Amino acid sequence: MPAGPKKLTEAEYLAIERQAEFKSEFYDGVMYPMQGPGGPLGMAGATFAHNAVKENLVGELYGRLKGGPCRTLSSDMKVKVSATGLYTYPDILILCGQPVLADDTQDTLLNPSVIIEVLSPSTEKYDRVQKFRHYQQLPSMTEYVLVAQDEPICDRYVRQPDGTWLLTTATGLAGELAFETVPARVALADIYAGVSFPEKPLR
């Protein structure tokens, strides 16, 4: 039986990634492109709605967190889950306190406080299940937020003292995304400003 492709070390991945035109996740020796047709998750360039939702939320959070101990970082900052070896690029991060960085290049964060992913049809299952399992291994992470792009729905998971995760869902343009562990509340109307939702067929 022919051998499979040679797995990369973390150092080899980082050397390639830091020179690459497109971002790639890395797990168990394999790079997964986040743009183009090569990614096993069907990752591709983000839609207008995805980008609008992300930028709206970053803008709203910046104003609410400015001057405090927490700040936002968006999708060019890698996160490493040390316990599992996953390197990935969350859509939005909130960091509270001083950053813990993987090395002197300072492009890989180890201690995000809140991670926010804007869902896409091709990645929703991955973000909700496999990726969340990785993120749960980050001791610093207290909240995980999933934001739909095609309807006004935000799911917020908060880590409980016993290690379980409590889900709260905000829905509708009259709703509000209230963070539990950072001082921020954002109206869904502001998150989805300028976004048109596809019509859903009647049953």
C-alpha atoms as a PDB file:
ATOM      1  CA  MET A   1       0.000   0.000   0.000  1.00  0.00           C
ATOM      2  CA  PRO A   2       1.524   3.373  -0.984  1.00  0.00           C
ATOM      3  CA  ALA A   3       2.352   5.731   1.831  1.00  0.00           C
ATOM      4  CA  GLY A   4       0.221   8.815   2.296  1.00  0.00           C
ATOM      5  CA  PRO A   5       1.593  12.336   1.947  1.00  0.00           C
ATOM      6  CA  LYS A   6       4.317  13.298   4.380  1.00  0.00           C
ATOM      7  CA  LYS A   7       2.949  15.132   7.388  1.00  0.00           C
ATOM      8  CA  LEU A   8       4.373  18.517   8.228  1.00  0.00           C
ATOM      9  CA  THR A   9       5.807  19.572  11.542  1.00  0.00           C
ATOM     10  CA  GLU A  10       4.480  22.727  13.212  1.00  0.00           C
ATOM     11  CA  ALA A  11       7.722  24.500  12.286  1.00  0.00           C
ATOM     12  CA  GLU A  12       7.324  23.504   8.627  1.00  0.00           C
ATOM     13  CA  TYR A  13       3.710  24.683   8.593  1.00  0.00           C
ATOM     14  CA  LEU A  14       4.622  28.048  10.116  1.00  0.00           C
ATOM     15  CA  ALA A  15       7.488  28.555   7.658  1.00  0.00           C
ATOM     16  CA  ILE A  16       5.122  27.915   4.722  1.00  0.00           C
ATOM     17  CA  GLU A  17       2.205  29.835   6.194  1.00  0.00           C
ATOM     18  CA  ARG A  18       4.213  32.964   6.877  1.00  0.00           C
ATOM     19  CA  GLN A  19       5.138  33.171   3.185  1.00  0.00           C
ATOM     20  CA  ALA A  20       1.784  32.036   1.764  1.00  0.00           C
ATOM     21  CA  GLU A  21      -0.657  34.127  -0.267  1.00  0.00           C
ATOM     22  CA  PHE A  22      -3.696  32.472   1.352  1.00  0.00           C
ATOM     23  CA  LYS A  23      -4.304  31.423   4.932  1.00  0.00           C
ATOM     24  CA  SER A  24      -4.437  27.760   5.925  1.00  0.00           C
ATOM     25  CA  GLU A  25      -5.500  25.980   9.065  1.00  0.00           C
ATOM     26  CA  PHE A  26      -3.172  23.280  10.372  1.00  0.00           C
ATOM     27  CA  TYR A  27      -4.005  20.116  12.271  1.00  0.00           C
ATOM     28  CA  ASP A  28      -2.304  16.730  12.697  1.00  0.00           C
ATOM     29  CA  GLY A  29       0.408  17.496  10.179  1.00  0.00           C
ATOM     30  CA  VAL A  30      -1.914  18.686   7.402  1.00  0.00           C
ATOM     31  CA  MET A  31      -2.549  22.200   6.050  1.00  0.00           C
ATOM     32  CA  TYR A  32      -6.146  23.028   5.106  1.00  0.00           C
ATOM     33  CA  PRO A  33      -6.471  26.040   2.765  1.00  0.00           C
ATOM     34  CA  MET A  34      -9.112  28.529   3.861  1.00  0.00           C
ATOM     35  CA  GLN A  35      -9.558  29.971   0.353  1.00  0.00           C
ATOM     36  CA  GLY A  36      -9.972  28.341  -3.028  1.00  0.00           C
ATOM     37  CA  PRO A  37     -11.129  24.824  -3.910  1.00  0.00           C
ATOM     38  CA  GLY A  38      -8.428  22.910  -2.036  1.00  0.00           C
ATOM     39  CA  GLY A  39      -9.886  22.993   1.447  1.00  0.00           C
ATOM     40  CA  PRO A  40     -11.661  19.842   2.668  1.00  0.00           C
ATOM     41  CA  LEU A  41     -14.307  21.999   4.308  1.00  0.00           C
ATOM     42  CA  GLY A  42     -15.240  23.785   1.107  1.00  0.00           C
ATOM     43  CA  MET A  43     -13.851  27.047   2.467  1.00  0.00           C
ATOM     44  CA  ALA A  44     -13.888  29.852  -0.076  1.00  0.00           C
ATOM     45  CA  GLY A  45     -13.845  33.626  -0.212  1.00  0.00           C
ATOM     46  CA  ALA A  46     -16.418  35.086   2.157  1.00  0.00           C
ATOM     47  CA  THR A  47     -19.696  36.560   0.871  1.00  0.00           C
ATOM     48  CA  PHE A  48     -20.742  40.200   1.208  1.00  0.00           C
ATOM     49  CA  ALA A  49     -23.105  39.259   4.044  1.00  0.00           C
ATOM     50  CA  HIS A  50     -20.349  37.396   5.912  1.00  0.00           C
ATOM     51  CA  ASN A  51     -17.959  40.336   5.628  1.00  0.00           C
ATOM     52  CA  ALA A  52     -20.610  42.920   6.479  1.00  0.00           C
ATOM     53  CA  VAL A  53     -21.720  41.058   9.603  1.00  0.00           C
ATOM     54  CA  LYS A  54     -18.125  40.603  10.744  1.00  0.00           C
ATOM     55  CA  GLU A  55     -17.133  44.235  10.177  1.00  0.00           C
ATOM     56  CA  ASN A  56     -20.329  45.546  11.774  1.00  0.00           C
ATOM     57  CA  LEU A  57     -19.697  43.475  14.881  1.00  0.00           C
ATOM     58  CA  VAL A  58     -16.025  44.448  15.104  1.00  0.00           C
ATOM     59  CA  GLY A  59     -16.996  48.118  14.847  1.00  0.00           C
ATOM     60  CA  GLU A  60     -19.680  47.843  17.515  1.00  0.00           C
ATOM     61  CA  LEU A  61     -17.393  45.949  19.887  1.00  0.00           C
ATOM     62  CA  TYR A  62     -14.505  48.359  19.426  1.00  0.00           C
ATOM     63  CA  GLY A  63     -16.543  51.267  20.726  1.00  0.00           C
ATOM     64  CA  ARG A  64     -17.847  49.331  23.709  1.00  0.00           C
ATOM     65  CA  LEU A  65     -14.483  47.886  24.748  1.00  0.00           C
ATOM     66  CA  LYS A  66     -12.300  50.933  24.058  1.00  0.00           C
ATOM     67  CA  GLY A  67     -10.440  52.092  27.146  1.00  0.00           C
ATOM     68  CA  GLY A  68     -11.016  48.857  29.074  1.00  0.00           C
ATOM     69  CA  PRO A  69      -8.944  45.719  29.595  1.00  0.00           C
ATOM     70  CA  CYS A  70     -10.374  43.942  26.528  1.00  0.00           C
ATOM     71  CA  ARG A  71      -9.907  44.526  22.803  1.00  0.00           C
ATOM     72  CA  THR A  72     -10.941  42.956  19.512  1.00  0.00           C
ATOM     73  CA  LEU A  73      -8.694  41.249  16.980  1.00  0.00           C
ATOM     74  CA  SER A  74      -9.983  40.070  13.630  1.00  0.00           C
ATOM     75  CA  SER A  75      -9.268  37.240  11.250  1.00  0.00           C
ATOM     76  CA  ASP A  76      -5.587  37.824  10.432  1.00  0.00           C
ATOM     77  CA  MET A  77      -4.556  36.686  13.933  1.00  0.00           C
ATOM     78  CA  LYS A  78      -3.832  32.968  14.223  1.00  0.00           C
ATOM     79  CA  VAL A  79      -4.871  31.083  17.330  1.00  0.00           C
ATOM     80  CA  LYS A  80      -3.140  27.918  18.467  1.00  0.00           C
ATOM     81  CA  VAL A  81      -4.982  25.408  20.636  1.00  0.00           C
ATOM     82  CA  SER A  82      -1.952  23.988  22.419  1.00  0.00           C
ATOM     83  CA  ALA A  83      -3.819  20.970  23.808  1.00  0.00           C
ATOM     84  CA  THR A  84      -4.815  19.680  20.356  1.00  0.00           C
ATOM     85  CA  GLY A  85      -2.283  21.286  18.002  1.00  0.00           C
ATOM     86  CA  LEU A  86      -4.870  23.149  15.907  1.00  0.00           C
ATOM     87  CA  TYR A  87      -3.823  26.411  14.282  1.00  0.00           C
ATOM     88  CA  THR A  88      -6.752  28.421  12.950  1.00  0.00           C
ATOM     89  CA  TYR A  89      -7.992  31.926  12.163  1.00  0.00           C
ATOM     90  CA  PRO A  90     -11.220  32.829  14.015  1.00  0.00           C
ATOM     91  CA  ASP A  91     -13.337  35.570  12.458  1.00  0.00           C
ATOM     92  CA  ILE A  92     -13.185  37.773  15.570  1.00  0.00           C
ATOM     93  CA  LEU A  93     -11.303  37.469  18.859  1.00  0.00           C
ATOM     94  CA  ILE A  94     -11.672  39.346  22.096  1.00  0.00           C
ATOM     95  CA  LEU A  95      -8.529  39.423  24.205  1.00  0.00           C
ATOM     96  CA  CYS A  96      -8.662  40.568  27.821  1.00  0.00           C
ATOM     97  CA  GLY A  97      -5.401  41.427  29.504  1.00  0.00           C
ATOM     98  CA  GLN A  98      -1.944  40.827  28.099  1.00  0.00           C
ATOM     99  CA  PRO A  99      -1.533  38.607  25.039  1.00  0.00           C
ATOM    100  CA  VAL A 100       0.325  35.314  25.333  1.00  0.00           C
ATOM    101  CA  LEU A 101       2.014  34.720  21.981  1.00  0.00           C
ATOM    102  CA  ALA A 102       3.516  31.503  20.672  1.00  0.00           C
ATOM    103  CA  ASP A 103       6.876  32.954  19.586  1.00  0.00           C
ATOM    104  CA  ASP A 104       8.780  36.125  18.733  1.00  0.00           C
ATOM    105  CA  THR A 105       7.020  36.474  15.367  1.00  0.00           C
ATOM    106  CA  GLN A 106       3.927  37.470  17.396  1.00  0.00           C
ATOM    107  CA  ASP A 107       1.363  36.205  14.879  1.00  0.00           C
ATOM    108  CA  THR A 108      -0.095  33.337  16.936  1.00  0.00           C
ATOM    109  CA  LEU A 109      -2.221  33.987  20.027  1.00  0.00           C
ATOM    110  CA  LEU A 110      -2.560  31.392  22.784  1.00  0.00           C
ATOM    111  CA  ASN A 111      -5.033  33.059  25.162  1.00  0.00           C
ATOM    112  CA  PRO A 112      -8.191  34.475  23.523  1.00  0.00           C
ATOM    113  CA  SER A 113     -10.995  35.267  25.970  1.00  0.00           C
ATOM    114  CA  VAL A 114     -13.906  35.211  23.490  1.00  0.00           C
ATOM    115  CA  ILE A 115     -14.035  33.679  20.006  1.00  0.00           C
ATOM    116  CA  ILE A 116     -16.676  34.679  17.463  1.00  0.00           C
ATOM    117  CA  GLU A 117     -17.290  32.811  14.213  1.00  0.00           C
ATOM    118  CA  VAL A 118     -19.598  34.099  11.469  1.00  0.00           C
ATOM    119  CA  LEU A 119     -21.233  31.013  10.012  1.00  0.00           C
ATOM    120  CA  SER A 120     -21.085  30.026   6.344  1.00  0.00           C
ATOM    121  CA  PRO A 121     -23.091  27.165   4.787  1.00  0.00           C
ATOM    122  CA  SER A 122     -19.915  25.220   4.039  1.00  0.00           C
ATOM    123  CA  THR A 123     -18.376  25.601   7.504  1.00  0.00           C
ATOM    124  CA  GLU A 124     -21.332  25.758   9.923  1.00  0.00           C
ATOM    125  CA  LYS A 125     -21.124  22.114  11.034  1.00  0.00           C
ATOM    126  CA  TYR A 126     -17.361  22.369  11.489  1.00  0.00           C
ATOM    127  CA  ASP A 127     -17.669  25.580  13.539  1.00  0.00           C
ATOM    128  CA  ARG A 128     -20.474  24.184  15.695  1.00  0.00           C
ATOM    129  CA  VAL A 129     -18.979  20.763  16.375  1.00  0.00           C
ATOM    130  CA  GLN A 130     -15.344  19.929  15.617  1.00  0.00           C
ATOM    131  CA  LYS A 131     -13.917  23.423  15.945  1.00  0.00           C
ATOM    132  CA  PHE A 132     -15.846  24.082  19.156  1.00  0.00           C
ATOM    133  CA  ARG A 133     -14.359  20.913  20.646  1.00  0.00           C
ATOM    134  CA  HIS A 134     -10.902  22.287  19.954  1.00  0.00           C
ATOM    135  CA  TYR A 135     -11.734  25.725  21.327  1.00  0.00           C
ATOM    136  CA  GLN A 136     -13.064  24.202  24.542  1.00  0.00           C
ATOM    137  CA  GLN A 137      -9.467  23.131  25.270  1.00  0.00           C
ATOM    138  CA  LEU A 138      -8.375  26.780  25.537  1.00  0.00           C
ATOM    139  CA  PRO A 139      -8.330  27.512  29.291  1.00  0.00           C
ATOM    140  CA  SER A 140      -8.590  31.257  28.613  1.00  0.00           C
ATOM    141  CA  MET A 141     -11.758  31.072  26.500  1.00  0.00           C
ATOM    142  CA  THR A 142     -14.908  31.940  28.423  1.00  0.00           C
ATOM    143  CA  GLU A 143     -17.380  32.530  25.573  1.00  0.00           C
ATOM    144  CA  TYR A 144     -17.931  31.162  22.067  1.00  0.00           C
ATOM    145  CA  VAL A 145     -20.333  33.031  19.802  1.00  0.00           C
ATOM    146  CA  LEU A 146     -21.751  31.797  16.488  1.00  0.00           C
ATOM    147  CA  VAL A 147     -23.321  34.458  14.274  1.00  0.00           C
ATOM    148  CA  ALA A 148     -25.507  33.493  11.312  1.00  0.00           C
ATOM    149  CA  GLN A 149     -25.091  35.506   8.122  1.00  0.00           C
ATOM    150  CA  ASP A 150     -28.378  34.629   6.407  1.00  0.00           C
ATOM    151  CA  GLU A 151     -30.787  35.380   9.275  1.00  0.00           C
ATOM    152  CA  PRO A 152     -30.557  37.388  12.520  1.00  0.00           C
ATOM    153  CA  ILE A 153     -29.522  34.682  14.968  1.00  0.00           C
ATOM    154  CA  CYS A 154     -26.584  34.629  17.404  1.00  0.00           C
ATOM    155  CA  ASP A 155     -25.769  31.618  19.608  1.00  0.00           C
ATOM    156  CA  ARG A 156     -23.648  32.366  22.673  1.00  0.00           C
ATOM    157  CA  TYR A 157     -21.984  29.601  24.692  1.00  0.00           C
ATOM    158  CA  VAL A 158     -20.609  30.550  28.132  1.00  0.00           C
ATOM    159  CA  ARG A 159     -18.250  28.320  30.108  1.00  0.00           C
ATOM    160  CA  GLN A 160     -19.746  27.418  33.498  1.00  0.00           C
ATOM    161  CA  PRO A 161     -17.775  26.795  36.730  1.00  0.00           C
ATOM    162  CA  ASP A 162     -18.250  23.026  36.303  1.00  0.00           C
ATOM    163  CA  GLY A 163     -16.798  23.107  32.779  1.00  0.00           C
ATOM    164  CA  THR A 164     -20.108  22.796  30.921  1.00  0.00           C
ATOM    165  CA  TRP A 165     -21.241  25.357  28.342  1.00  0.00           C
ATOM    166  CA  LEU A 166     -24.538  27.239  28.645  1.00  0.00           C
ATOM    167  CA  LEU A 167     -26.225  28.209  25.373  1.00  0.00           C
ATOM    168  CA  THR A 168     -28.246  31.428  24.997  1.00  0.00           C
ATOM    169  CA  THR A 169     -29.718  32.425  21.619  1.00  0.00           C
ATOM    170  CA  ALA A 170     -30.568  35.943  20.484  1.00  0.00           C
ATOM    171  CA  THR A 171     -32.932  36.181  17.512  1.00  0.00           C
ATOM    172  CA  GLY A 172     -34.624  38.819  15.388  1.00  0.00           C
ATOM    173  CA  LEU A 173     -33.583  42.362  14.540  1.00  0.00           C
ATOM    174  CA  ALA A 174     -35.173  43.534  17.800  1.00  0.00           C
ATOM    175  CA  GLY A 175     -32.914  41.183  19.766  1.00  0.00           C
ATOM    176  CA  GLU A 176     -29.615  41.863  21.497  1.00  0.00           C
ATOM    177  CA  LEU A 177     -26.354  39.939  21.797  1.00  0.00           C
ATOM    178  CA  ALA A 178     -25.298  40.395  25.426  1.00  0.00           C
ATOM    179  CA  PHE A 179     -21.851  39.084  26.292  1.00  0.00           C
ATOM    180  CA  GLU A 180     -21.476  37.470  29.683  1.00  0.00           C
ATOM    181  CA  THR A 181     -17.789  37.926  30.457  1.00  0.00           C
ATOM    182  CA  VAL A 182     -16.950  41.196  28.677  1.00  0.00           C
ATOM    183  CA  PRO A 183     -18.810  44.532  29.078  1.00  0.00           C
ATOM    184  CA  ALA A 184     -20.605  44.579  25.743  1.00  0.00           C
ATOM    185  CA  ARG A 185     -24.188  44.403  24.501  1.00  0.00           C
ATOM    186  CA  VAL A 186     -24.877  44.771  20.770  1.00  0.00           C
ATOM    187  CA  ALA A 187     -28.267  45.089  19.088  1.00  0.00           C
ATOM    188  CA  LEU A 188     -28.775  42.546  16.321  1.00  0.00           C
ATOM    189  CA  ALA A 189     -30.060  45.410  14.158  1.00  0.00           C
ATOM    190  CA  ASP A 190     -26.538  46.887  14.357  1.00  0.00           C
ATOM    191  CA  ILE A 191     -24.835  43.547  13.666  1.00  0.00           C
ATOM    192  CA  TYR A 192     -26.939  43.018  10.542  1.00  0.00           C
ATOM    193  CA  ALA A 193     -27.039  46.632   9.308  1.00  0.00           C
ATOM    194  CA  GLY A 194     -26.927  46.677   5.496  1.00  0.00           C
ATOM    195  CA  VAL A 195     -27.464  42.915   5.159  1.00  0.00           C
ATOM    196  CA  SER A 196     -30.357  41.525   3.087  1.00  0.00           C
ATOM    197  CA  PHE A 197     -31.744  38.134   4.085  1.00  0.00           C
ATOM    198  CA  PRO A 198     -32.787  35.542   1.495  1.00  0.00           C
ATOM    199  CA  GLU A 199     -36.498  34.819   1.361  1.00  0.00           C
ATOM    200  CA  LYS A 200     -37.425  31.464   2.830  1.00  0.00           C
ATOM    201  CA  PRO A 201     -39.970  29.391   0.897  1.00  0.00           C
ATOM    202  CA  LEU A 202     -43.328  28.741   2.538  1.00  0.00           C
ATOM    203  CA  ARG A 203     -43.898  25.194   3.713  1.00  0.00           C
END
